[in-house]
Amino acid sequence: MGGTGAERRRAGWRLAWPAGLALAACSGSQSALDPAGSEAERVAQLFWVMLIGTGVIWSLVIGAAVYAARVRPGPHDPAISRRLIHWGGIGLPVLALTALLAYGLQLMPELRAAGDGLKIEVSGEQWWWRVRYQTADGRSIVSANEIRLPAGERVELTLASPDVIHSLWIPNLAGKVDMIPGRVNRLVLEPTRTGNFRGVCAEFCGASHALMAFAVVVVTRPEFEQWLSQEAAAATGASSAELRRGAVLFEQVGCGGCHAIRGTAAAGTIGPDLTHLASRRTLAAGILPNEPAALRRWIAAADTIKPGVRMPSFGMLPAADLDAIVAYLASLE
């Protein structure tokens, strides 16, 4: 066999690390193979069925090739060869594909059945997400770049876009659905466990397509109700001189022309609603952590961080003014 024990161990590690990477990709906050929702579970189930089916077919084809080339090389009976082509090359693929199609189609009606509870309108825009909660009691609550869901309940998402085609995809919870200008599509989610997950835009939509993500937080129903009540409230007033100065500067430099902060004069609709910005997990549509240093970077150099973004950069402001605006926005919980 040859080779020392150390050499054999090194060879074993070289073979093992690709398998380890493949297994690591099967879990995490953005993995379709780590389902945390009823639709994602069905999608993963369909994937494994297809994988096993293709594995069986691949094994049969390779086995036939090895048999013909190595075990019994040379001419074969023409009648047997024709039957093999007819049944193996035509009949078997038709039967296998028909079975897979029927299996996939029978999953759809149940996955598309919506409940009577929470509905969420999501609009994909270059390059962020407008989110509006429509509750069963008629309330409409605006947020952005984050979706919160109650565990164990069916939630209907209506999906649209005002600019270009986007595609909303939360791999752990469901398959992807396109967001097409002039059309409203629908996605039904039923999270099966609590946790933090990551959604993305899965359709190329411009220069910053890869920088268009969002956080998905699945919590218990009591936690969701508490969060929704807080999200529906207006922003709390600035409690210190520094925060009040930041609120004034926010208006003076024009931020209120694009952003809304409920309870203040800022009522812009071009950009995300910032009423409870500090309670979100991320900034700039999922690409920065929600912390003061990252917020300062975003305000000062938005076009550098996200090329093509419509938000102007305010790096020309004095450092003290930037710090005051950041402090004010970081207080909006």
Protein backbone atom coordinates (compact mmCIF):
# COMPACT_ATOMS: atom_id res chain seq x y z
CA MET A 1 0.00 0.00 0.00
CA GLY A 2 2.96 2.32 0.70
CA GLY A 3 3.22 5.60 2.57
CA THR A 4 3.85 6.39 6.21
CA GLY A 5 1.10 6.79 8.80
CA ALA A 6 1.46 10.59 8.67
CA GLU A 7 1.15 10.56 4.87
CA ARG A 8 -1.99 8.42 5.05
CA ARG A 9 -3.49 10.78 7.63
CA ARG A 10 -2.74 13.79 5.42
CA ALA A 11 -4.34 12.03 2.46
CA GLY A 12 -7.39 11.29 4.63
CA TRP A 13 -7.72 14.96 5.59
CA ARG A 14 -7.48 15.98 1.92
CA LEU A 15 -10.42 13.71 1.18
CA ALA A 16 -12.40 14.69 4.28
CA TRP A 17 -12.38 18.48 4.08
CA PRO A 18 -14.56 18.75 0.92
CA ALA A 19 -17.15 16.51 2.60
CA GLY A 20 -16.97 18.66 5.73
CA LEU A 21 -17.59 21.81 3.71
CA ALA A 22 -20.55 20.19 1.98
CA LEU A 23 -22.10 19.14 5.29
CA ALA A 24 -21.50 22.60 6.80
CA ALA A 25 -23.47 24.15 3.95
CA CYS A 26 -26.53 22.12 4.97
CA SER A 27 -27.20 24.27 8.06
CA GLY A 28 -27.27 27.91 9.05
CA SER A 29 -29.46 30.99 8.76
CA GLN A 30 -29.56 30.88 4.94
CA SER A 31 -29.82 27.21 3.99
CA ALA A 32 -32.64 25.49 2.15
CA LEU A 33 -31.39 22.20 3.61
CA ASP A 34 -31.99 23.40 7.19
CA PRO A 35 -35.75 23.98 6.96
CA ALA A 36 -37.54 26.02 9.63
CA GLY A 37 -40.87 26.34 7.81
CA SER A 38 -43.48 23.98 6.40
CA GLU A 39 -42.85 25.00 2.78
CA ALA A 40 -39.08 24.73 3.15
CA GLU A 41 -39.55 21.25 4.64
CA ARG A 42 -41.51 20.17 1.56
CA VAL A 43 -38.95 21.75 -0.77
CA ALA A 44 -36.12 19.95 1.07
CA GLN A 45 -38.11 16.70 0.91
CA LEU A 46 -38.56 17.11 -2.85
CA PHE A 47 -34.83 17.81 -3.19
CA TRP A 48 -33.87 14.61 -1.37
CA VAL A 49 -36.33 12.55 -3.41
CA MET A 50 -34.89 13.98 -6.63
CA LEU A 51 -31.33 13.47 -5.39
CA ILE A 52 -31.98 9.82 -4.55
CA GLY A 53 -33.76 9.29 -7.87
CA THR A 54 -30.94 10.83 -9.89
CA GLY A 55 -28.43 8.83 -7.86
CA VAL A 56 -30.18 5.58 -8.75
CA ILE A 57 -30.39 6.51 -12.45
CA TRP A 58 -26.74 7.62 -12.48
CA SER A 59 -25.70 4.32 -10.87
CA LEU A 60 -27.65 2.31 -13.47
CA VAL A 61 -26.13 4.25 -16.37
CA ILE A 62 -22.58 4.00 -15.03
CA GLY A 63 -23.13 0.33 -14.18
CA ALA A 64 -24.29 -0.38 -17.74
CA ALA A 65 -21.31 1.51 -19.15
CA VAL A 66 -18.83 -0.40 -16.96
CA TYR A 67 -20.50 -3.71 -17.84
CA ALA A 68 -20.32 -2.97 -21.57
CA ALA A 69 -16.75 -1.64 -21.49
CA ARG A 70 -15.05 -3.83 -18.87
CA VAL A 71 -17.09 -6.87 -17.89
CA ARG A 72 -18.27 -7.89 -21.34
CA PRO A 73 -16.53 -5.88 -24.05
CA GLY A 74 -17.21 -6.57 -27.67
CA PRO A 75 -20.36 -6.94 -29.78
CA HIS A 76 -23.75 -7.37 -28.02
CA ASP A 77 -26.98 -8.91 -29.23
CA PRO A 78 -28.76 -6.27 -31.42
CA ALA A 79 -32.21 -7.18 -30.09
CA ILE A 80 -31.11 -6.73 -26.49
CA SER A 81 -29.40 -3.45 -27.36
CA ARG A 82 -32.57 -2.10 -28.99
CA ARG A 83 -34.68 -3.07 -25.97
CA LEU A 84 -32.15 -1.41 -23.67
CA ILE A 85 -32.36 1.82 -25.72
CA HIS A 86 -36.17 1.75 -25.86
CA TRP A 87 -36.78 0.93 -22.19
CA GLY A 88 -33.70 2.44 -20.59
CA GLY A 89 -33.30 5.48 -22.84
CA ILE A 90 -36.95 6.37 -23.42
CA GLY A 91 -39.29 4.49 -21.10
CA LEU A 92 -37.40 4.90 -17.83
CA PRO A 93 -36.78 8.68 -18.19
CA VAL A 94 -40.43 9.30 -19.12
CA LEU A 95 -41.69 7.31 -16.12
CA ALA A 96 -39.17 8.91 -13.73
CA LEU A 97 -39.89 12.49 -14.85
CA THR A 98 -43.66 11.91 -14.81
CA ALA A 99 -43.47 10.54 -11.25
CA LEU A 100 -41.35 13.49 -10.08
CA LEU A 101 -43.70 15.99 -11.75
CA ALA A 102 -46.76 14.42 -10.15
CA TYR A 103 -45.03 14.33 -6.76
CA GLY A 104 -44.03 18.02 -7.02
CA LEU A 105 -47.45 19.20 -8.21
CA GLN A 106 -49.33 17.48 -5.40
CA LEU A 107 -47.35 19.59 -2.90
CA MET A 108 -48.60 22.91 -4.30
CA PRO A 109 -52.25 23.22 -3.16
CA GLU A 110 -51.44 22.80 0.53
CA LEU A 111 -48.46 25.15 0.35
CA ARG A 112 -50.53 27.90 -1.27
CA ALA A 113 -53.47 27.71 1.17
CA ALA A 114 -53.50 30.98 3.13
CA GLY A 115 -54.84 31.50 6.62
CA ASP A 116 -57.12 34.25 7.91
CA GLY A 117 -54.52 35.93 10.10
CA LEU A 118 -51.55 38.18 9.50
CA LYS A 119 -50.82 39.51 6.01
CA ILE A 120 -47.61 41.31 5.11
CA GLU A 121 -47.07 43.47 2.04
CA VAL A 122 -43.44 43.45 0.86
CA SER A 123 -42.18 45.72 -1.89
CA GLY A 124 -38.73 45.08 -3.34
CA GLU A 125 -37.05 48.33 -4.33
CA GLN A 126 -33.54 49.20 -5.47
CA TRP A 127 -31.98 48.09 -3.12
CA TRP A 128 -34.09 47.64 0.02
CA TRP A 129 -37.40 46.19 1.23
CA ARG A 130 -40.55 48.11 2.18
CA VAL A 131 -42.62 46.08 4.67
CA ARG A 132 -46.21 46.73 5.76
CA TYR A 133 -48.07 44.53 8.27
CA GLN A 134 -51.83 44.18 7.74
CA THR A 135 -53.28 42.63 10.89
CA ALA A 136 -56.58 40.79 11.28
CA ASP A 137 -58.01 43.73 13.26
CA GLY A 138 -57.38 46.17 10.39
CA ARG A 139 -54.14 47.82 11.54
CA SER A 140 -51.46 48.78 8.99
CA ILE A 141 -47.94 49.00 10.42
CA VAL A 142 -44.97 50.14 8.32
CA SER A 143 -41.42 48.85 8.70
CA ALA A 144 -38.43 48.14 6.45
CA ASN A 145 -35.64 45.65 5.75
CA GLU A 146 -36.79 43.18 8.40
CA ILE A 147 -39.69 40.74 8.68
CA ARG A 148 -40.94 39.40 12.00
CA LEU A 149 -43.16 36.32 12.07
CA PRO A 150 -45.02 34.35 14.75
CA ALA A 151 -43.97 30.71 14.94
CA GLY A 152 -46.51 28.03 14.04
CA GLU A 153 -48.88 30.35 12.14
CA ARG A 154 -49.57 30.75 8.44
CA VAL A 155 -48.70 34.22 7.18
CA GLU A 156 -49.45 35.50 3.69
CA LEU A 157 -46.91 37.75 1.98
CA THR A 158 -48.05 39.82 -1.00
CA LEU A 159 -45.07 40.72 -3.15
CA ALA A 160 -44.67 43.61 -5.60
CA SER A 161 -42.04 45.97 -7.02
CA PRO A 162 -42.20 49.56 -8.33
CA ASP A 163 -38.98 49.48 -10.37
CA VAL A 164 -37.43 46.23 -11.68
CA ILE A 165 -37.92 42.51 -11.14
CA HIS A 166 -36.75 41.33 -7.73
CA SER A 167 -37.16 37.90 -6.14
CA LEU A 168 -37.77 37.32 -2.44
CA TRP A 169 -36.13 34.20 -1.01
CA ILE A 170 -35.92 33.05 2.60
CA PRO A 171 -34.20 29.66 2.11
CA ASN A 172 -34.95 28.31 5.60
CA LEU A 173 -38.66 29.12 5.35
CA ALA A 174 -39.81 28.83 1.72
CA GLY A 175 -38.93 28.88 -1.95
CA LYS A 176 -38.31 32.05 -3.95
CA VAL A 177 -41.05 34.14 -5.57
CA ASP A 178 -40.53 36.92 -8.12
CA MET A 179 -41.63 40.50 -7.47
CA ILE A 180 -42.71 41.89 -10.86
CA PRO A 181 -43.62 45.55 -11.59
CA GLY A 182 -47.33 45.85 -12.29
CA ARG A 183 -48.16 42.48 -10.73
CA VAL A 184 -48.79 41.19 -7.21
CA ASN A 185 -47.58 37.69 -6.33
CA ARG A 186 -48.27 35.75 -3.17
CA LEU A 187 -46.19 33.61 -0.82
CA VAL A 188 -47.50 31.72 2.21
CA LEU A 189 -45.13 31.04 5.11
CA GLU A 190 -45.56 28.88 8.17
CA PRO A 191 -42.46 29.00 10.38
CA THR A 192 -42.07 25.86 12.47
CA ARG A 193 -39.42 27.08 14.91
CA THR A 194 -38.16 30.34 16.35
CA GLY A 195 -34.83 31.82 15.29
CA ASN A 196 -33.04 34.40 13.18
CA PHE A 197 -32.83 33.79 9.45
CA ARG A 198 -31.61 35.68 6.39
CA GLY A 199 -33.57 36.55 3.27
CA VAL A 200 -32.12 37.79 0.00
CA CYS A 201 -33.05 39.06 -3.43
CA ALA A 202 -32.57 36.09 -5.79
CA GLU A 203 -33.04 37.95 -9.10
CA PHE A 204 -30.37 40.26 -10.53
CA CYS A 205 -31.80 43.76 -10.11
CA GLY A 206 -28.92 46.16 -10.69
CA ALA A 207 -25.54 47.27 -9.41
CA SER A 208 -26.19 46.48 -5.73
CA HIS A 209 -28.24 43.31 -6.21
CA ALA A 210 -25.82 41.33 -4.03
CA LEU A 211 -26.24 43.96 -1.28
CA MET A 212 -30.01 43.54 -0.95
CA ALA A 213 -30.77 41.26 2.00
CA PHE A 214 -33.03 41.36 5.04
CA ALA A 215 -33.36 39.82 8.47
CA VAL A 216 -36.19 37.43 9.32
CA VAL A 217 -36.96 36.99 13.02
CA VAL A 218 -39.36 34.22 14.07
CA VAL A 219 -40.64 34.54 17.64
CA THR A 220 -43.45 33.19 19.79
CA ARG A 221 -46.92 34.72 19.43
CA PRO A 222 -46.69 36.72 22.73
CA GLU A 223 -43.28 38.11 21.70
CA PHE A 224 -44.64 38.96 18.27
CA GLU A 225 -47.64 40.80 19.72
CA GLN A 226 -45.37 42.79 22.03
CA TRP A 227 -43.06 43.71 19.15
CA LEU A 228 -45.96 44.62 16.83
CA SER A 229 -47.45 46.91 19.47
CA GLN A 230 -44.12 48.65 19.88
CA GLU A 231 -43.66 48.87 16.10
CA ALA A 232 -47.07 50.53 15.70
CA ALA A 233 -46.22 53.30 18.18
CA ALA A 234 -44.75 56.66 17.21
CA ALA A 235 -41.13 57.44 17.93
CA THR A 236 -40.32 58.54 21.45
CA GLY A 237 -39.23 62.14 21.89
CA ALA A 238 -35.55 63.06 22.11
CA SER A 239 -34.62 62.94 25.78
CA SER A 240 -31.41 64.98 25.83
CA ALA A 241 -29.97 68.10 24.28
CA GLU A 242 -27.68 66.04 22.02
CA LEU A 243 -30.58 63.94 20.75
CA ARG A 244 -32.72 67.00 20.18
CA ARG A 245 -29.89 68.57 18.22
CA GLY A 246 -29.64 65.40 16.13
CA ALA A 247 -33.40 65.49 15.44
CA VAL A 248 -33.16 69.10 14.26
CA LEU A 249 -30.16 68.33 12.03
CA PHE A 250 -32.00 65.30 10.60
CA GLU A 251 -34.64 67.71 9.29
CA GLN A 252 -32.28 70.53 8.32
CA VAL A 253 -30.04 68.43 6.05
CA GLY A 254 -33.07 66.99 4.25
CA CYS A 255 -33.28 63.44 5.62
CA GLY A 256 -36.99 63.90 6.34
CA GLY A 257 -37.67 64.45 2.66
CA CYS A 258 -36.99 60.77 1.98
CA HIS A 259 -37.52 59.05 5.34
CA ALA A 260 -40.47 58.96 7.73
CA ILE A 261 -40.25 58.99 11.52
CA ARG A 262 -43.76 58.73 12.93
CA GLY A 263 -44.47 61.33 15.57
CA THR A 264 -42.19 63.91 13.91
CA ALA A 265 -42.38 66.17 10.88
CA ALA A 266 -40.35 63.66 8.84
CA ALA A 267 -42.83 62.04 6.44
CA GLY A 268 -40.80 61.02 3.40
CA THR A 269 -41.80 57.92 1.42
CA ILE A 270 -38.86 57.50 -0.95
CA GLY A 271 -36.65 55.64 1.55
CA PRO A 272 -37.21 53.25 4.47
CA ASP A 273 -39.32 54.22 7.48
CA LEU A 274 -36.92 54.91 10.38
CA THR A 275 -39.40 55.16 13.26
CA HIS A 276 -37.89 52.18 15.10
CA LEU A 277 -34.56 51.89 13.31
CA ALA A 278 -32.59 51.02 16.45
CA SER A 279 -34.69 47.89 17.09
CA ARG A 280 -33.69 46.28 13.78
CA ARG A 281 -30.91 43.74 13.54
CA THR A 282 -29.18 45.22 10.50
CA LEU A 283 -28.70 48.43 8.51
CA ALA A 284 -28.74 49.21 4.77
CA ALA A 285 -30.90 46.19 3.86
CA GLY A 286 -29.03 43.49 5.73
CA ILE A 287 -25.44 44.37 4.86
CA LEU A 288 -24.25 46.21 8.00
CA PRO A 289 -24.65 45.47 11.71
CA ASN A 290 -26.99 47.84 13.50
CA GLU A 291 -24.44 49.67 15.61
CA PRO A 292 -23.46 53.37 15.80
CA ALA A 293 -20.12 52.99 13.98
CA ALA A 294 -21.76 51.24 11.02
CA LEU A 295 -24.62 53.75 10.98
CA ARG A 296 -22.13 56.62 10.84
CA ARG A 297 -20.31 54.95 7.92
CA TRP A 298 -23.60 54.47 6.08
CA ILE A 299 -24.71 58.09 6.48
CA ALA A 300 -21.29 59.43 5.49
CA ALA A 301 -20.63 57.16 2.48
CA ALA A 302 -23.80 55.37 1.38
CA ASP A 303 -22.87 55.46 -2.32
CA THR A 304 -19.52 53.82 -1.59
CA ILE A 305 -21.01 51.04 0.54
CA LYS A 306 -23.91 50.39 -1.85
CA PRO A 307 -23.12 51.55 -5.43
CA GLY A 308 -26.05 53.14 -7.22
CA VAL A 309 -28.09 53.76 -4.07
CA ARG A 310 -30.46 56.73 -4.29
CA MET A 311 -29.49 57.97 -0.83
CA PRO A 312 -26.92 60.80 -1.00
CA SER A 313 -23.84 60.63 1.16
CA PHE A 314 -23.40 63.19 3.94
CA GLY A 315 -19.68 62.86 4.55
CA MET A 316 -19.33 66.62 4.06
CA LEU A 317 -21.09 67.33 7.38
CA PRO A 318 -18.96 68.31 10.37
CA ALA A 319 -18.06 65.33 12.55
CA ALA A 320 -20.04 66.74 15.49
CA ASP A 321 -23.18 67.00 13.33
CA LEU A 322 -22.77 63.44 12.06
CA ASP A 323 -22.36 62.21 15.61
CA ALA A 324 -25.54 64.01 16.71
CA ILE A 325 -27.61 62.53 13.86
CA VAL A 326 -26.23 59.04 14.57
CA ALA A 327 -27.03 59.39 18.28
CA TYR A 328 -30.58 60.47 17.45
CA LEU A 329 -31.22 57.60 15.03
CA ALA A 330 -29.63 55.10 17.43
CA SER A 331 -32.19 56.17 20.05
CA LEU A 332 -35.18 55.25 17.88
CA GLU A 333 -36.12 51.96 19.48
